[in-house]
Each structure stands twice: as structure tokens, then as C-alpha cells.
Amino acid sequence: MTLERGALAIQASLQGTIDKIVAEMDGQASFVTYALLSVSFRKVRMEFSVNSEAIGNGGGGPYKLAALAFDDHIAHLVLPIAFQFRGHAY
């Protein structure tokens, strides 16, 4: 099986779970609808892209701003999304 066909098979097997996550969490996460799954180096990597509002420069550098954005907009989404994929082994 080629890498591309393998990725498509994984995408198909997880699509129901992905659709459920997007439907249940879209109000919290502001998902965008592209790049939901990609495969890299024979390992599965889930990629859920989200929109968030830019935060102002509070005197910190770009790494501090990225950390604050993660803490404020992304961190609370990680565990509920990961929980949906328990039991899937690829």
C-alpha cells in the first residue's frame, strides 16, 4: 500500500470521529475545514486547524505570544480531542 493510499484509508476510518469532533466543538474551537489529517514518515499525525483572534503585544516576544495564544485558545481543546481517539491504533 502506498503512503498516499494508507493516508486515505486512515482518513476514511477516522472520518466519523473527526466529523463528531468538529460538530461538537466547533463553537469552542473555530475549526477550519482543510488539512484535518496528514501522514508523515509512516506515522499518523492529526492536524486540526483552528482560527483564533490575535492577541496584542504585551511587551513579550513572538515565543511568549505564541505560548499565551496556545494557553488561551488551544490547550483546553487537546484533551477532549485526544479522548475521542482512544483505542485507535495506527
PDB file of N, CA and C in Angstrom:
ATOM      1  N   MET A   1       0.856  -1.165   0.000  1.00  0.00           N
ATOM      2  CA  MET A   1       0.000   0.000   0.000  1.00  0.00           C
ATOM      3  C   MET A   1       0.908   1.236   0.000  1.00  0.00           C
ATOM      4  N   THR A   2       0.636   2.165  -0.872  1.00  0.00           N
ATOM      5  CA  THR A   2       1.436   3.383  -0.921  1.00  0.00           C
ATOM      6  C   THR A   2       1.085   4.276   0.260  1.00  0.00           C
ATOM      7  N   LEU A   3       1.976   5.203   0.537  1.00  0.00           N
ATOM      8  CA  LEU A   3       1.745   6.117   1.652  1.00  0.00           C
ATOM      9  C   LEU A   3       0.458   6.905   1.458  1.00  0.00           C
ATOM     10  N   GLU A   4       0.215   7.353   0.230  1.00  0.00           N
ATOM     11  CA  GLU A   4      -0.997   8.122  -0.047  1.00  0.00           C
ATOM     12  C   GLU A   4      -2.249   7.280   0.161  1.00  0.00           C
ATOM     13  N   ARG A   5      -2.231   6.037  -0.329  1.00  0.00           N
ATOM     14  CA  ARG A   5      -3.398   5.164  -0.137  1.00  0.00           C
ATOM     15  C   ARG A   5      -3.581   4.839   1.340  1.00  0.00           C
ATOM     16  N   GLY A   6      -2.479   4.665   2.065  1.00  0.00           N
ATOM     17  CA  GLY A   6      -2.561   4.419   3.504  1.00  0.00           C
ATOM     18  C   GLY A   6      -3.188   5.591   4.232  1.00  0.00           C
ATOM     19  N   ALA A   7      -2.788   6.807   3.836  1.00  0.00           N
ATOM     20  CA  ALA A   7      -3.348   8.006   4.450  1.00  0.00           C
ATOM     21  C   ALA A   7      -4.838   8.109   4.169  1.00  0.00           C
ATOM     22  N   LEU A   8      -5.238   7.799   2.945  1.00  0.00           N
ATOM     23  CA  LEU A   8      -6.660   7.842   2.599  1.00  0.00           C
ATOM     24  C   LEU A   8      -7.454   6.807   3.392  1.00  0.00           C
ATOM     25  N   ALA A   9      -6.875   5.628   3.596  1.00  0.00           N
ATOM     26  CA  ALA A   9      -7.549   4.591   4.370  1.00  0.00           C
ATOM     27  C   ALA A   9      -7.716   5.020   5.826  1.00  0.00           C
ATOM     28  N   ILE A  10      -6.677   5.618   6.389  1.00  0.00           N
ATOM     29  CA  ILE A  10      -6.766   6.108   7.766  1.00  0.00           C
ATOM     30  C   ILE A  10      -7.798   7.224   7.858  1.00  0.00           C
ATOM     31  N   GLN A  11      -7.763   8.143   6.907  1.00  0.00           N
ATOM     32  CA  GLN A  11      -8.733   9.243   6.877  1.00  0.00           C
ATOM     33  C   GLN A  11     -10.160   8.695   6.851  1.00  0.00           C
ATOM     34  N   ALA A  12     -10.390   7.707   5.989  1.00  0.00           N
ATOM     35  CA  ALA A  12     -11.728   7.126   5.871  1.00  0.00           C
ATOM     36  C   ALA A  12     -12.155   6.448   7.170  1.00  0.00           C
ATOM     37  N   SER A  13     -11.235   5.746   7.822  1.00  0.00           N
ATOM     38  CA  SER A  13     -11.596   5.032   9.042  1.00  0.00           C
ATOM     39  C   SER A  13     -11.865   5.971  10.214  1.00  0.00           C
ATOM     40  N   LEU A  14     -11.276   7.171  10.188  1.00  0.00           N
ATOM     41  CA  LEU A  14     -11.447   8.114  11.285  1.00  0.00           C
ATOM     42  C   LEU A  14     -12.427   9.244  10.976  1.00  0.00           C
ATOM     43  N   GLN A  15     -12.956   9.290   9.769  1.00  0.00           N
ATOM     44  CA  GLN A  15     -13.777  10.428   9.359  1.00  0.00           C
ATOM     45  C   GLN A  15     -14.988  10.640  10.258  1.00  0.00           C
ATOM     46  N   GLY A  16     -15.624   9.571  10.698  1.00  0.00           N
ATOM     47  CA  GLY A  16     -16.775   9.713  11.587  1.00  0.00           C
ATOM     48  C   GLY A  16     -16.396  10.386  12.893  1.00  0.00           C
ATOM     49  N   THR A  17     -15.263  10.008  13.466  1.00  0.00           N
ATOM     50  CA  THR A  17     -14.789  10.626  14.701  1.00  0.00           C
ATOM     51  C   THR A  17     -14.436  12.087  14.468  1.00  0.00           C
ATOM     52  N   ILE A  18     -13.766  12.370  13.348  1.00  0.00           N
ATOM     53  CA  ILE A  18     -13.398  13.747  13.013  1.00  0.00           C
ATOM     54  C   ILE A  18     -14.656  14.604  12.867  1.00  0.00           C
ATOM     55  N   ASP A  19     -15.644  14.100  12.143  1.00  0.00           N
ATOM     56  CA  ASP A  19     -16.897  14.844  11.953  1.00  0.00           C
ATOM     57  C   ASP A  19     -17.585  15.117  13.287  1.00  0.00           C
ATOM     58  N   LYS A  20     -17.570  14.139  14.182  1.00  0.00           N
ATOM     59  CA  LYS A  20     -18.188  14.294  15.505  1.00  0.00           C
ATOM     60  C   LYS A  20     -17.471  15.387  16.299  1.00  0.00           C
ATOM     61  N   ILE A  21     -16.152  15.379  16.275  1.00  0.00           N
ATOM     62  CA  ILE A  21     -15.380  16.393  16.999  1.00  0.00           C
ATOM     63  C   ILE A  21     -15.691  17.783  16.466  1.00  0.00           C
ATOM     64  N   VAL A  22     -15.669  17.921  15.148  1.00  0.00           N
ATOM     65  CA  VAL A  22     -15.930  19.225  14.541  1.00  0.00           C
ATOM     66  C   VAL A  22     -17.333  19.710  14.889  1.00  0.00           C
ATOM     67  N   ALA A  23     -18.315  18.830  14.835  1.00  0.00           N
ATOM     68  CA  ALA A  23     -19.689  19.219  15.148  1.00  0.00           C
ATOM     69  C   ALA A  23     -19.851  19.608  16.616  1.00  0.00           C
ATOM     70  N   GLU A  24     -19.242  18.853  17.518  1.00  0.00           N
ATOM     71  CA  GLU A  24     -19.427  19.101  18.946  1.00  0.00           C
ATOM     72  C   GLU A  24     -18.599  20.269  19.472  1.00  0.00           C
ATOM     73  N   MET A  25     -17.438  20.522  18.877  1.00  0.00           N
ATOM     74  CA  MET A  25     -16.522  21.502  19.453  1.00  0.00           C
ATOM     75  C   MET A  25     -16.318  22.748  18.604  1.00  0.00           C
ATOM     76  N   ASP A  26     -17.021  22.870  17.493  1.00  0.00           N
ATOM     77  CA  ASP A  26     -16.748  23.985  16.594  1.00  0.00           C
ATOM     78  C   ASP A  26     -16.971  25.343  17.253  1.00  0.00           C
ATOM     79  N   GLY A  27     -17.943  25.456  18.128  1.00  0.00           N
ATOM     80  CA  GLY A  27     -18.172  26.727  18.806  1.00  0.00           C
ATOM     81  C   GLY A  27     -17.021  27.138  19.703  1.00  0.00           C
ATOM     82  N   GLN A  28     -16.334  26.160  20.262  1.00  0.00           N
ATOM     83  CA  GLN A  28     -15.191  26.432  21.127  1.00  0.00           C
ATOM     84  C   GLN A  28     -13.903  26.606  20.334  1.00  0.00           C
ATOM     85  N   ALA A  29     -13.784  25.889  19.221  1.00  0.00           N
ATOM     86  CA  ALA A  29     -12.502  25.785  18.550  1.00  0.00           C
ATOM     87  C   ALA A  29     -12.389  26.601  17.264  1.00  0.00           C
ATOM     88  N   SER A  30     -13.472  26.954  16.624  1.00  0.00           N
ATOM     89  CA  SER A  30     -13.446  27.661  15.336  1.00  0.00           C
ATOM     90  C   SER A  30     -12.580  26.920  14.315  1.00  0.00           C
ATOM     91  N   PHE A  31     -12.909  25.662  14.079  1.00  0.00           N
ATOM     92  CA  PHE A  31     -12.145  24.833  13.148  1.00  0.00           C
ATOM     93  C   PHE A  31     -12.206  25.394  11.733  1.00  0.00           C
ATOM     94  N   VAL A  32     -11.130  25.240  11.002  1.00  0.00           N
ATOM     95  CA  VAL A  32     -11.151  25.454   9.562  1.00  0.00           C
ATOM     96  C   VAL A  32     -11.223  24.074   8.931  1.00  0.00           C
ATOM     97  N   THR A  33     -11.683  23.986   7.705  1.00  0.00           N
ATOM     98  CA  THR A  33     -12.044  22.681   7.153  1.00  0.00           C
ATOM     99  C   THR A  33     -10.996  22.053   6.248  1.00  0.00           C
ATOM    100  N   TYR A  34      -9.766  22.504   6.299  1.00  0.00           N
ATOM    101  CA  TYR A  34      -8.732  21.886   5.471  1.00  0.00           C
ATOM    102  C   TYR A  34      -7.666  21.241   6.363  1.00  0.00           C
ATOM    103  N   ALA A  35      -6.896  20.348   5.803  1.00  0.00           N
ATOM    104  CA  ALA A  35      -5.752  19.725   6.474  1.00  0.00           C
ATOM    105  C   ALA A  35      -6.116  19.023   7.777  1.00  0.00           C
ATOM    106  N   LEU A  36      -7.192  18.245   7.778  1.00  0.00           N
ATOM    107  CA  LEU A  36      -7.576  17.556   9.008  1.00  0.00           C
ATOM    108  C   LEU A  36      -6.715  16.342   9.311  1.00  0.00           C
ATOM    109  N   LEU A  37      -6.096  15.753   8.307  1.00  0.00           N
ATOM    110  CA  LEU A  37      -5.266  14.586   8.563  1.00  0.00           C
ATOM    111  C   LEU A  37      -4.118  14.586   7.584  1.00  0.00           C
ATOM    112  N   SER A  38      -2.941  14.337   8.070  1.00  0.00           N
ATOM    113  CA  SER A  38      -1.798  14.165   7.194  1.00  0.00           C
ATOM    114  C   SER A  38      -0.930  13.060   7.766  1.00  0.00           C
ATOM    115  N   VAL A  39      -0.166  12.430   6.918  1.00  0.00           N
ATOM    116  CA  VAL A  39       0.696  11.340   7.338  1.00  0.00           C
ATOM    117  C   VAL A  39       2.131  11.740   7.048  1.00  0.00           C
ATOM    118  N   SER A  40       3.001  11.537   8.011  1.00  0.00           N
ATOM    119  CA  SER A  40       4.395  11.920   7.870  1.00  0.00           C
ATOM    120  C   SER A  40       5.282  10.799   8.389  1.00  0.00           C
ATOM    121  N   PHE A  41       6.209  10.362   7.588  1.00  0.00           N
ATOM    122  CA  PHE A  41       7.180   9.338   7.972  1.00  0.00           C
ATOM    123  C   PHE A  41       6.529   8.097   8.577  1.00  0.00           C
ATOM    124  N   ARG A  42       5.496   7.616   7.925  1.00  0.00           N
ATOM    125  CA  ARG A  42       4.785   6.394   8.324  1.00  0.00           C
ATOM    126  C   ARG A  42       4.124   6.477   9.687  1.00  0.00           C
ATOM    127  N   LYS A  43       3.981   7.650  10.205  1.00  0.00           N
ATOM    128  CA  LYS A  43       3.277   7.835  11.476  1.00  0.00           C
ATOM    129  C   LYS A  43       2.108   8.758  11.227  1.00  0.00           C
ATOM    130  N   VAL A  44       1.043   8.527  11.941  1.00  0.00           N
ATOM    131  CA  VAL A  44      -0.148   9.352  11.770  1.00  0.00           C
ATOM    132  C   VAL A  44      -0.010  10.604  12.629  1.00  0.00           C
ATOM    133  N   ARG A  45      -0.334  11.715  12.030  1.00  0.00           N
ATOM    134  CA  ARG A  45      -0.352  12.983  12.751  1.00  0.00           C
ATOM    135  C   ARG A  45      -1.687  13.642  12.454  1.00  0.00           C
ATOM    136  N   MET A  46      -2.468  13.869  13.480  1.00  0.00           N
ATOM    137  CA  MET A  46      -3.739  14.556  13.297  1.00  0.00           C
ATOM    138  C   MET A  46      -3.476  16.046  13.323  1.00  0.00           C
ATOM    139  N   GLU A  47      -4.111  16.736  12.425  1.00  0.00           N
ATOM    140  CA  GLU A  47      -3.948  18.184  12.377  1.00  0.00           C
ATOM    141  C   GLU A  47      -5.325  18.816  12.296  1.00  0.00           C
ATOM    142  N   PHE A  48      -5.721  19.461  13.369  1.00  0.00           N
ATOM    143  CA  PHE A  48      -6.960  20.214  13.397  1.00  0.00           C
ATOM    144  C   PHE A  48      -6.574  21.681  13.371  1.00  0.00           C
ATOM    145  N   SER A  49      -6.929  22.367  12.319  1.00  0.00           N
ATOM    146  CA  SER A  49      -6.591  23.782  12.200  1.00  0.00           C
ATOM    147  C   SER A  49      -7.722  24.621  12.775  1.00  0.00           C
ATOM    148  N   VAL A  50      -7.348  25.627  13.554  1.00  0.00           N
ATOM    149  CA  VAL A  50      -8.336  26.498  14.175  1.00  0.00           C
ATOM    150  C   VAL A  50      -7.984  27.960  13.913  1.00  0.00           C
ATOM    151  N   ASN A  51      -8.998  28.782  13.918  1.00  0.00           N
ATOM    152  CA  ASN A  51      -8.816  30.232  13.855  1.00  0.00           C
ATOM    153  C   ASN A  51      -8.888  30.775  15.265  1.00  0.00           C
ATOM    154  N   SER A  52      -8.096  31.778  15.549  1.00  0.00           N
ATOM    155  CA  SER A  52      -8.237  32.467  16.823  1.00  0.00           C
ATOM    156  C   SER A  52      -7.892  33.930  16.609  1.00  0.00           C
ATOM    157  N   GLU A  53      -8.396  34.746  17.500  1.00  0.00           N
ATOM    158  CA  GLU A  53      -8.124  36.169  17.403  1.00  0.00           C
ATOM    159  C   GLU A  53      -6.694  36.437  17.836  1.00  0.00           C
ATOM    160  N   ALA A  54      -6.057  37.378  17.157  1.00  0.00           N
ATOM    161  CA  ALA A  54      -4.700  37.762  17.528  1.00  0.00           C
ATOM    162  C   ALA A  54      -4.727  38.467  18.876  1.00  0.00           C
ATOM    163  N   ILE A  55      -3.698  38.220  19.646  1.00  0.00           N
ATOM    164  CA  ILE A  55      -3.593  38.907  20.929  1.00  0.00           C
ATOM    165  C   ILE A  55      -2.601  40.047  20.781  1.00  0.00           C
ATOM    166  N   GLY A  56      -2.784  41.085  21.552  1.00  0.00           N
ATOM    167  CA  GLY A  56      -1.915  42.244  21.471  1.00  0.00           C
ATOM    168  C   GLY A  56      -0.528  41.956  21.990  1.00  0.00           C
ATOM    169  N   ASN A  57       0.399  42.781  21.613  1.00  0.00           N
ATOM    170  CA  ASN A  57       1.768  42.639  22.070  1.00  0.00           C
ATOM    171  C   ASN A  57       1.876  43.243  23.463  1.00  0.00           C
ATOM    172  N   GLY A  58       1.918  42.394  24.445  1.00  0.00           N
ATOM    173  CA  GLY A  58       2.023  42.835  25.831  1.00  0.00           C
ATOM    174  C   GLY A  58       3.458  42.994  26.274  1.00  0.00           C
ATOM    175  N   GLY A  59       4.332  43.338  25.352  1.00  0.00           N
ATOM    176  CA  GLY A  59       5.727  43.527  25.703  1.00  0.00           C
ATOM    177  C   GLY A  59       6.560  42.268  25.567  1.00  0.00           C
ATOM    178  N   GLY A  60       5.948  41.158  25.177  1.00  0.00           N
ATOM    179  CA  GLY A  60       6.692  39.917  25.033  1.00  0.00           C
ATOM    180  C   GLY A  60       7.100  39.692  23.598  1.00  0.00           C
ATOM    181  N   GLY A  61       8.034  38.803  23.410  1.00  0.00           N
ATOM    182  CA  GLY A  61       8.473  38.440  22.076  1.00  0.00           C
ATOM    183  C   GLY A  61       7.508  37.463  21.431  1.00  0.00           C
ATOM    184  N   PRO A  62       7.821  37.023  20.219  1.00  0.00           N
ATOM    185  CA  PRO A  62       6.914  36.125  19.493  1.00  0.00           C
ATOM    186  C   PRO A  62       6.704  34.779  20.183  1.00  0.00           C
ATOM    187  N   TYR A  63       7.718  34.256  20.869  1.00  0.00           N
ATOM    188  CA  TYR A  63       7.558  32.970  21.544  1.00  0.00           C
ATOM    189  C   TYR A  63       6.621  33.092  22.735  1.00  0.00           C
ATOM    190  N   LYS A  64       6.709  34.209  23.451  1.00  0.00           N
ATOM    191  CA  LYS A  64       5.801  34.430  24.573  1.00  0.00           C
ATOM    192  C   LYS A  64       4.379  34.590  24.064  1.00  0.00           C
ATOM    193  N   LEU A  65       4.208  35.324  22.965  1.00  0.00           N
ATOM    194  CA  LEU A  65       2.873  35.496  22.393  1.00  0.00           C
ATOM    195  C   LEU A  65       2.308  34.165  21.921  1.00  0.00           C
ATOM    196  N   ALA A  66       3.147  33.321  21.300  1.00  0.00           N
ATOM    197  CA  ALA A  66       2.689  32.001  20.855  1.00  0.00           C
ATOM    198  C   ALA A  66       2.283  31.134  22.046  1.00  0.00           C
ATOM    199  N   ALA A  67       3.060  31.193  23.122  1.00  0.00           N
ATOM    200  CA  ALA A  67       2.731  30.416  24.321  1.00  0.00           C
ATOM    201  C   ALA A  67       1.414  30.886  24.924  1.00  0.00           C
ATOM    202  N   LEU A  68       1.223  32.191  24.980  1.00  0.00           N
ATOM    203  CA  LEU A  68      -0.037  32.727  25.513  1.00  0.00           C
ATOM    204  C   LEU A  68      -1.217  32.345  24.628  1.00  0.00           C
ATOM    205  N   ALA A  69      -1.033  32.414  23.320  1.00  0.00           N
ATOM    206  CA  ALA A  69      -2.103  32.024  22.399  1.00  0.00           C
ATOM    207  C   ALA A  69      -2.455  30.553  22.581  1.00  0.00           C
ATOM    208  N   PHE A  70      -1.437  29.696  22.720  1.00  0.00           N
ATOM    209  CA  PHE A  70      -1.695  28.276  22.957  1.00  0.00           C
ATOM    210  C   PHE A  70      -2.467  28.092  24.255  1.00  0.00           C
ATOM    211  N   ASP A  71      -1.998  28.710  25.321  1.00  0.00           N
ATOM    212  CA  ASP A  71      -2.660  28.570  26.619  1.00  0.00           C
ATOM    213  C   ASP A  71      -4.107  29.055  26.581  1.00  0.00           C
ATOM    214  N   ASP A  72      -4.351  30.176  25.903  1.00  0.00           N
ATOM    215  CA  ASP A  72      -5.678  30.780  25.891  1.00  0.00           C
ATOM    216  C   ASP A  72      -6.652  30.131  24.907  1.00  0.00           C
ATOM    217  N   HIS A  73      -6.144  29.614  23.779  1.00  0.00           N
ATOM    218  CA  HIS A  73      -7.038  29.188  22.701  1.00  0.00           C
ATOM    219  C   HIS A  73      -6.964  27.707  22.341  1.00  0.00           C
ATOM    220  N   ILE A  74      -5.880  27.025  22.665  1.00  0.00           N
ATOM    221  CA  ILE A  74      -5.687  25.658  22.180  1.00  0.00           C
ATOM    222  C   ILE A  74      -5.651  24.615  23.296  1.00  0.00           C
ATOM    223  N   ALA A  75      -4.977  24.908  24.386  1.00  0.00           N
ATOM    224  CA  ALA A  75      -4.715  23.905  25.429  1.00  0.00           C
ATOM    225  C   ALA A  75      -5.984  23.200  25.909  1.00  0.00           C
ATOM    226  N   HIS A  76      -7.079  23.925  26.069  1.00  0.00           N
ATOM    227  CA  HIS A  76      -8.311  23.313  26.585  1.00  0.00           C
ATOM    228  C   HIS A  76      -8.970  22.378  25.565  1.00  0.00           C
ATOM    229  N   LEU A  77      -8.507  22.398  24.315  1.00  0.00           N
ATOM    230  CA  LEU A  77      -9.078  21.533  23.276  1.00  0.00           C
ATOM    231  C   LEU A  77      -8.349  20.195  23.142  1.00  0.00           C
ATOM    232  N   VAL A  78      -7.092  20.146  23.574  1.00  0.00           N
ATOM    233  CA  VAL A  78      -6.249  18.986  23.316  1.00  0.00           C
ATOM    234  C   VAL A  78      -6.795  17.717  23.964  1.00  0.00           C
ATOM    235  N   LEU A  79      -7.087  17.753  25.234  1.00  0.00           N
ATOM    236  CA  LEU A  79      -7.558  16.550  25.933  1.00  0.00           C
ATOM    237  C   LEU A  79      -8.888  16.031  25.398  1.00  0.00           C
ATOM    238  N   PRO A  80      -9.910  16.879  25.198  1.00  0.00           N
ATOM    239  CA  PRO A  80     -11.163  16.345  24.642  1.00  0.00           C
ATOM    240  C   PRO A  80     -10.998  15.727  23.256  1.00  0.00           C
ATOM    241  N   ILE A  81     -10.143  16.313  22.423  1.00  0.00           N
ATOM    242  CA  ILE A  81      -9.914  15.733  21.092  1.00  0.00           C
ATOM    243  C   ILE A  81      -9.171  14.417  21.207  1.00  0.00           C
ATOM    244  N   ALA A  82      -8.125  14.375  22.011  1.00  0.00           N
ATOM    245  CA  ALA A  82      -7.356  13.136  22.197  1.00  0.00           C
ATOM    246  C   ALA A  82      -8.242  12.029  22.753  1.00  0.00           C
ATOM    247  N   PHE A  83      -9.155  12.373  23.652  1.00  0.00           N
ATOM    248  CA  PHE A  83     -10.060  11.402  24.255  1.00  0.00           C
ATOM    249  C   PHE A  83     -10.915  10.704  23.198  1.00  0.00           C
ATOM    250  N   GLN A  84     -11.307  11.429  22.150  1.00  0.00           N
ATOM    251  CA  GLN A  84     -12.138  10.853  21.091  1.00  0.00           C
ATOM    252  C   GLN A  84     -11.405   9.764  20.305  1.00  0.00           C
ATOM    253  N   PHE A  85     -10.072   9.797  20.316  1.00  0.00           N
ATOM    254  CA  PHE A  85      -9.300   8.841  19.521  1.00  0.00           C
ATOM    255  C   PHE A  85      -8.722   7.702  20.370  1.00  0.00           C
ATOM    256  N   ARG A  86      -9.128   7.594  21.617  1.00  0.00           N
ATOM    257  CA  ARG A  86      -8.635   6.488  22.430  1.00  0.00           C
ATOM    258  C   ARG A  86      -9.058   5.165  21.792  1.00  0.00           C
ATOM    259  N   GLY A  87      -8.187   4.219  21.824  1.00  0.00           N
ATOM    260  CA  GLY A  87      -8.495   2.913  21.255  1.00  0.00           C
ATOM    261  C   GLY A  87      -8.151   2.774  19.792  1.00  0.00           C
ATOM    262  N   HIS A  88      -7.845   3.870  19.098  1.00  0.00           N
ATOM    263  CA  HIS A  88      -7.411   3.791  17.707  1.00  0.00           C
ATOM    264  C   HIS A  88      -5.909   3.592  17.677  1.00  0.00           C
ATOM    265  N   ALA A  89      -5.462   2.580  16.994  1.00  0.00           N
ATOM    266  CA  ALA A  89      -4.025   2.321  16.888  1.00  0.00           C
ATOM    267  C   ALA A  89      -3.633   2.249  15.429  1.00  0.00           C
ATOM    268  N   TYR A  90      -2.715   3.104  15.031  1.00  0.00           N
ATOM    269  CA  TYR A  90      -2.244   3.118  13.646  1.00  0.00           C
ATOM    270  C   TYR A  90      -0.761   3.231  13.619  1.00  0.00           C
TER     271      TYR A  90
END
